[in-house]
Amino acid sequence: MSTSTPEQKKSRAPRHVTTSGGRQLTPAGHRVQVAAARLRVALDERLGRPTPAETKALSKEDL
């Protein structure tokens, strides 16, 4: 049984949240972002949508 109250459970700090505000990413976090960018580029191509240049550049990086 846990000794924390519901209020304490709500106030837990989030795990590694990635933001575009210049925050440093772990190597694993960077790999996840590159993989997500590759998926976004592939989906945009299939749907005929434009892909932001930043996303295209990120998708070309090595994992």
PDB file of N, CA and C in Angstrom:
ATOM      1  N   MET A   1       0.845  -1.179   0.000  1.00  0.00           N
ATOM      2  CA  MET A   1       0.000   0.000   0.000  1.00  0.00           C
ATOM      3  C   MET A   1       0.887   1.238   0.000  1.00  0.00           C
ATOM      4  N   SER A   2       0.504   2.222  -0.752  1.00  0.00           N
ATOM      5  CA  SER A   2       1.281   3.450  -0.864  1.00  0.00           C
ATOM      6  C   SER A   2       0.930   4.406   0.270  1.00  0.00           C
ATOM      7  N   THR A   3       1.931   5.137   0.732  1.00  0.00           N
ATOM      8  CA  THR A   3       1.684   6.097   1.806  1.00  0.00           C
ATOM      9  C   THR A   3       1.448   7.504   1.274  1.00  0.00           C
ATOM     10  N   SER A   4       1.545   7.700  -0.042  1.00  0.00           N
ATOM     11  CA  SER A   4       1.337   9.035  -0.592  1.00  0.00           C
ATOM     12  C   SER A   4      -0.151   9.304  -0.758  1.00  0.00           C
ATOM     13  N   THR A   5      -0.501  10.554  -0.613  1.00  0.00           N
ATOM     14  CA  THR A   5      -1.894  10.966  -0.762  1.00  0.00           C
ATOM     15  C   THR A   5      -2.162  11.282  -2.229  1.00  0.00           C
ATOM     16  N   PRO A   6      -3.424  11.366  -2.638  1.00  0.00           N
ATOM     17  CA  PRO A   6      -3.726  11.717  -4.036  1.00  0.00           C
ATOM     18  C   PRO A   6      -3.103  13.048  -4.460  1.00  0.00           C
ATOM     19  N   GLU A   7      -3.022  13.996  -3.532  1.00  0.00           N
ATOM     20  CA  GLU A   7      -2.427  15.291  -3.861  1.00  0.00           C
ATOM     21  C   GLU A   7      -0.940  15.140  -4.194  1.00  0.00           C
ATOM     22  N   GLN A   8      -0.254  14.261  -3.470  1.00  0.00           N
ATOM     23  CA  GLN A   8       1.167  14.046  -3.727  1.00  0.00           C
ATOM     24  C   GLN A   8       1.375  13.347  -5.062  1.00  0.00           C
ATOM     25  N   LYS A   9       0.496  12.457  -5.429  1.00  0.00           N
ATOM     26  CA  LYS A   9       0.624  11.757  -6.691  1.00  0.00           C
ATOM     27  C   LYS A   9       0.481  12.716  -7.865  1.00  0.00           C
ATOM     28  N   LYS A  10      -0.364  13.734  -7.720  1.00  0.00           N
ATOM     29  CA  LYS A  10      -0.568  14.695  -8.800  1.00  0.00           C
ATOM     30  C   LYS A  10       0.616  15.638  -8.963  1.00  0.00           C
ATOM     31  N   SER A  11       1.401  15.806  -7.920  1.00  0.00           N
ATOM     32  CA  SER A  11       2.464  16.795  -7.964  1.00  0.00           C
ATOM     33  C   SER A  11       3.823  16.214  -8.347  1.00  0.00           C
ATOM     34  N   ARG A  12       3.863  14.988  -8.824  1.00  0.00           N
ATOM     35  CA  ARG A  12       5.136  14.394  -9.233  1.00  0.00           C
ATOM     36  C   ARG A  12       5.690  15.135 -10.441  1.00  0.00           C
ATOM     37  N   ALA A  13       6.984  15.276 -10.451  1.00  0.00           N
ATOM     38  CA  ALA A  13       7.636  15.932 -11.579  1.00  0.00           C
ATOM     39  C   ALA A  13       7.593  15.007 -12.791  1.00  0.00           C
ATOM     40  N   PRO A  14       7.371  15.570 -13.972  1.00  0.00           N
ATOM     41  CA  PRO A  14       7.355  14.723 -15.162  1.00  0.00           C
ATOM     42  C   PRO A  14       8.741  14.181 -15.464  1.00  0.00           C
ATOM     43  N   ARG A  15       8.786  13.025 -16.096  1.00  0.00           N
ATOM     44  CA  ARG A  15      10.063  12.485 -16.532  1.00  0.00           C
ATOM     45  C   ARG A  15      10.559  13.327 -17.684  1.00  0.00           C
ATOM     46  N   HIS A  16      11.703  13.061 -18.179  1.00  0.00           N
ATOM     47  CA  HIS A  16      12.366  13.869 -19.194  1.00  0.00           C
ATOM     48  C   HIS A  16      11.398  14.417 -20.238  1.00  0.00           C
ATOM     49  N   VAL A  17      10.964  15.636 -20.029  1.00  0.00           N
ATOM     50  CA  VAL A  17      10.084  16.294 -20.979  1.00  0.00           C
ATOM     51  C   VAL A  17      10.960  17.010 -21.986  1.00  0.00           C
ATOM     52  N   THR A  18      10.705  16.785 -23.248  1.00  0.00           N
ATOM     53  CA  THR A  18      11.504  17.438 -24.275  1.00  0.00           C
ATOM     54  C   THR A  18      10.754  18.642 -24.801  1.00  0.00           C
ATOM     55  N   THR A  19      11.460  19.725 -24.908  1.00  0.00           N
ATOM     56  CA  THR A  19      10.873  20.941 -25.436  1.00  0.00           C
ATOM     57  C   THR A  19      11.804  21.510 -26.485  1.00  0.00           C
ATOM     58  N   SER A  20      11.294  22.420 -27.280  1.00  0.00           N
ATOM     59  CA  SER A  20      12.127  23.060 -28.294  1.00  0.00           C
ATOM     60  C   SER A  20      12.736  24.349 -27.754  1.00  0.00           C
ATOM     61  N   GLY A  21      12.653  24.580 -26.490  1.00  0.00           N
ATOM     62  CA  GLY A  21      13.156  25.805 -25.892  1.00  0.00           C
ATOM     63  C   GLY A  21      14.628  25.780 -25.535  1.00  0.00           C
ATOM     64  N   GLY A  22      15.430  24.992 -26.238  1.00  0.00           N
ATOM     65  CA  GLY A  22      16.855  24.966 -25.989  1.00  0.00           C
ATOM     66  C   GLY A  22      17.270  24.011 -24.885  1.00  0.00           C
ATOM     67  N   ARG A  23      16.366  23.193 -24.434  1.00  0.00           N
ATOM     68  CA  ARG A  23      16.672  22.256 -23.361  1.00  0.00           C
ATOM     69  C   ARG A  23      17.511  21.110 -23.904  1.00  0.00           C
ATOM     70  N   GLN A  24      18.516  20.691 -23.148  1.00  0.00           N
ATOM     71  CA  GLN A  24      19.387  19.593 -23.558  1.00  0.00           C
ATOM     72  C   GLN A  24      18.623  18.279 -23.517  1.00  0.00           C
ATOM     73  N   LEU A  25      18.841  17.442 -24.520  1.00  0.00           N
ATOM     74  CA  LEU A  25      18.217  16.129 -24.566  1.00  0.00           C
ATOM     75  C   LEU A  25      19.252  15.059 -24.269  1.00  0.00           C
ATOM     76  N   THR A  26      18.799  13.975 -23.728  1.00  0.00           N
ATOM     77  CA  THR A  26      19.677  12.829 -23.559  1.00  0.00           C
ATOM     78  C   THR A  26      19.876  12.206 -24.938  1.00  0.00           C
ATOM     79  N   PRO A  27      20.916  11.399 -25.126  1.00  0.00           N
ATOM     80  CA  PRO A  27      21.093  10.737 -26.424  1.00  0.00           C
ATOM     81  C   PRO A  27      19.876   9.901 -26.822  1.00  0.00           C
ATOM     82  N   ALA A  28      19.272   9.233 -25.854  1.00  0.00           N
ATOM     83  CA  ALA A  28      18.083   8.431 -26.157  1.00  0.00           C
ATOM     84  C   ALA A  28      16.926   9.335 -26.586  1.00  0.00           C
ATOM     85  N   GLY A  29      16.774  10.462 -25.933  1.00  0.00           N
ATOM     86  CA  GLY A  29      15.716  11.404 -26.291  1.00  0.00           C
ATOM     87  C   GLY A  29      15.908  11.961 -27.686  1.00  0.00           C
ATOM     88  N   HIS A  30      17.162  12.204 -28.040  1.00  0.00           N
ATOM     89  CA  HIS A  30      17.458  12.701 -29.385  1.00  0.00           C
ATOM     90  C   HIS A  30      17.113  11.650 -30.436  1.00  0.00           C
ATOM     91  N   ARG A  31      17.437  10.387 -30.165  1.00  0.00           N
ATOM     92  CA  ARG A  31      17.108   9.311 -31.101  1.00  0.00           C
ATOM     93  C   ARG A  31      15.597   9.205 -31.300  1.00  0.00           C
ATOM     94  N   VAL A  32      14.856   9.391 -30.239  1.00  0.00           N
ATOM     95  CA  VAL A  32      13.393   9.338 -30.332  1.00  0.00           C
ATOM     96  C   VAL A  32      12.893  10.474 -31.208  1.00  0.00           C
ATOM     97  N   GLN A  33      13.460  11.661 -31.043  1.00  0.00           N
ATOM     98  CA  GLN A  33      13.025  12.794 -31.859  1.00  0.00           C
ATOM     99  C   GLN A  33      13.365  12.592 -33.330  1.00  0.00           C
ATOM    100  N   VAL A  34      14.528  12.019 -33.610  1.00  0.00           N
ATOM    101  CA  VAL A  34      14.910  11.747 -34.999  1.00  0.00           C
ATOM    102  C   VAL A  34      13.948  10.728 -35.611  1.00  0.00           C
ATOM    103  N   ALA A  35      13.650   9.680 -34.864  1.00  0.00           N
ATOM    104  CA  ALA A  35      12.716   8.665 -35.366  1.00  0.00           C
ATOM    105  C   ALA A  35      11.331   9.261 -35.606  1.00  0.00           C
ATOM    106  N   ALA A  36      10.886  10.116 -34.720  1.00  0.00           N
ATOM    107  CA  ALA A  36       9.577  10.758 -34.877  1.00  0.00           C
ATOM    108  C   ALA A  36       9.575  11.672 -36.094  1.00  0.00           C
ATOM    109  N   ALA A  37      10.681  12.369 -36.322  1.00  0.00           N
ATOM    110  CA  ALA A  37      10.781  13.248 -37.487  1.00  0.00           C
ATOM    111  C   ALA A  37      10.720  12.434 -38.775  1.00  0.00           C
ATOM    112  N   ARG A  38      11.379  11.268 -38.791  1.00  0.00           N
ATOM    113  CA  ARG A  38      11.332  10.406 -39.973  1.00  0.00           C
ATOM    114  C   ARG A  38       9.909   9.932 -40.258  1.00  0.00           C
ATOM    115  N   LEU A  39       9.196   9.576 -39.211  1.00  0.00           N
ATOM    116  CA  LEU A  39       7.805   9.162 -39.383  1.00  0.00           C
ATOM    117  C   LEU A  39       6.941  10.306 -39.889  1.00  0.00           C
ATOM    118  N   ARG A  40       7.186  11.494 -39.373  1.00  0.00           N
ATOM    119  CA  ARG A  40       6.415  12.671 -39.800  1.00  0.00           C
ATOM    120  C   ARG A  40       6.646  12.969 -41.272  1.00  0.00           C
ATOM    121  N   VAL A  41       7.905  12.881 -41.711  1.00  0.00           N
ATOM    122  CA  VAL A  41       8.221  13.127 -43.116  1.00  0.00           C
ATOM    123  C   VAL A  41       7.525  12.097 -44.000  1.00  0.00           C
ATOM    124  N   ALA A  42       7.579  10.837 -43.608  1.00  0.00           N
ATOM    125  CA  ALA A  42       6.937   9.776 -44.395  1.00  0.00           C
ATOM    126  C   ALA A  42       5.427   9.982 -44.474  1.00  0.00           C
ATOM    127  N   LEU A  43       4.818  10.333 -43.359  1.00  0.00           N
ATOM    128  CA  LEU A  43       3.369  10.562 -43.341  1.00  0.00           C
ATOM    129  C   LEU A  43       2.997  11.771 -44.190  1.00  0.00           C
ATOM    130  N   ASP A  44       3.752  12.850 -44.066  1.00  0.00           N
ATOM    131  CA  ASP A  44       3.465  14.043 -44.863  1.00  0.00           C
ATOM    132  C   ASP A  44       3.584  13.758 -46.355  1.00  0.00           C
ATOM    133  N   GLU A  45       4.565  12.932 -46.737  1.00  0.00           N
ATOM    134  CA  GLU A  45       4.705  12.574 -48.147  1.00  0.00           C
ATOM    135  C   GLU A  45       3.492  11.787 -48.626  1.00  0.00           C
ATOM    136  N   ARG A  46       3.028  10.855 -47.825  1.00  0.00           N
ATOM    137  CA  ARG A  46       1.866  10.049 -48.212  1.00  0.00           C
ATOM    138  C   ARG A  46       0.601  10.894 -48.328  1.00  0.00           C
ATOM    139  N   LEU A  47       0.467  11.852 -47.428  1.00  0.00           N
ATOM    140  CA  LEU A  47      -0.737  12.681 -47.416  1.00  0.00           C
ATOM    141  C   LEU A  47      -0.623  13.918 -48.302  1.00  0.00           C
ATOM    142  N   GLY A  48       0.548  14.131 -48.882  1.00  0.00           N
ATOM    143  CA  GLY A  48       0.737  15.290 -49.759  1.00  0.00           C
ATOM    144  C   GLY A  48       0.807  16.606 -49.018  1.00  0.00           C
ATOM    145  N   ARG A  49       1.249  16.563 -47.783  1.00  0.00           N
ATOM    146  CA  ARG A  49       1.351  17.784 -46.968  1.00  0.00           C
ATOM    147  C   ARG A  49       2.786  18.292 -46.982  1.00  0.00           C
ATOM    148  N   PRO A  50       2.947  19.593 -46.790  1.00  0.00           N
ATOM    149  CA  PRO A  50       4.322  20.118 -46.657  1.00  0.00           C
ATOM    150  C   PRO A  50       4.881  19.765 -45.280  1.00  0.00           C
ATOM    151  N   THR A  51       6.187  19.520 -45.231  1.00  0.00           N
ATOM    152  CA  THR A  51       6.869  19.206 -43.983  1.00  0.00           C
ATOM    153  C   THR A  51       7.767  20.377 -43.640  1.00  0.00           C
ATOM    154  N   PRO A  52       7.763  20.851 -42.380  1.00  0.00           N
ATOM    155  CA  PRO A  52       8.651  21.947 -41.994  1.00  0.00           C
ATOM    156  C   PRO A  52      10.120  21.586 -42.245  1.00  0.00           C
ATOM    157  N   ALA A  53      10.903  22.572 -42.648  1.00  0.00           N
ATOM    158  CA  ALA A  53      12.318  22.353 -42.959  1.00  0.00           C
ATOM    159  C   ALA A  53      13.074  21.804 -41.747  1.00  0.00           C
ATOM    160  N   GLU A  54      12.730  22.273 -40.552  1.00  0.00           N
ATOM    161  CA  GLU A  54      13.396  21.805 -39.330  1.00  0.00           C
ATOM    162  C   GLU A  54      13.174  20.305 -39.128  1.00  0.00           C
ATOM    163  N   THR A  55      11.964  19.850 -39.412  1.00  0.00           N
ATOM    164  CA  THR A  55      11.644  18.433 -39.266  1.00  0.00           C
ATOM    165  C   THR A  55      12.393  17.604 -40.304  1.00  0.00           C
ATOM    166  N   LYS A  56      12.472  18.105 -41.538  1.00  0.00           N
ATOM    167  CA  LYS A  56      13.211  17.393 -42.585  1.00  0.00           C
ATOM    168  C   LYS A  56      14.692  17.287 -42.211  1.00  0.00           C
ATOM    169  N   ALA A  57      15.253  18.356 -41.705  1.00  0.00           N
ATOM    170  CA  ALA A  57      16.669  18.340 -41.322  1.00  0.00           C
ATOM    171  C   ALA A  57      16.922  17.349 -40.189  1.00  0.00           C
ATOM    172  N   LEU A  58      16.033  17.336 -39.219  1.00  0.00           N
ATOM    173  CA  LEU A  58      16.178  16.418 -38.092  1.00  0.00           C
ATOM    174  C   LEU A  58      16.067  14.972 -38.546  1.00  0.00           C
ATOM    175  N   SER A  59      15.194  14.713 -39.504  1.00  0.00           N
ATOM    176  CA  SER A  59      14.994  13.332 -39.977  1.00  0.00           C
ATOM    177  C   SER A  59      16.201  12.792 -40.724  1.00  0.00           C
ATOM    178  N   LYS A  60      17.070  13.650 -41.200  1.00  0.00           N
ATOM    179  CA  LYS A  60      18.249  13.217 -41.948  1.00  0.00           C
ATOM    180  C   LYS A  60      19.442  12.921 -41.035  1.00  0.00           C
ATOM    181  N   GLU A  61      19.323  13.206 -39.751  1.00  0.00           N
ATOM    182  CA  GLU A  61      20.422  12.931 -38.820  1.00  0.00           C
ATOM    183  C   GLU A  61      20.527  11.437 -38.565  1.00  0.00           C
ATOM    184  N   ASP A  62      21.735  11.017 -38.179  1.00  0.00           N
ATOM    185  CA  ASP A  62      21.970   9.612 -37.857  1.00  0.00           C
ATOM    186  C   ASP A  62      21.385   9.282 -36.490  1.00  0.00           C
ATOM    187  N   LEU A  63      20.883   8.065 -36.396  1.00  0.00           N
ATOM    188  CA  LEU A  63      20.414   7.575 -35.095  1.00  0.00           C
ATOM    189  C   LEU A  63      21.630   7.115 -34.362  1.00  0.00           C
TER     190      LEU A  63
END
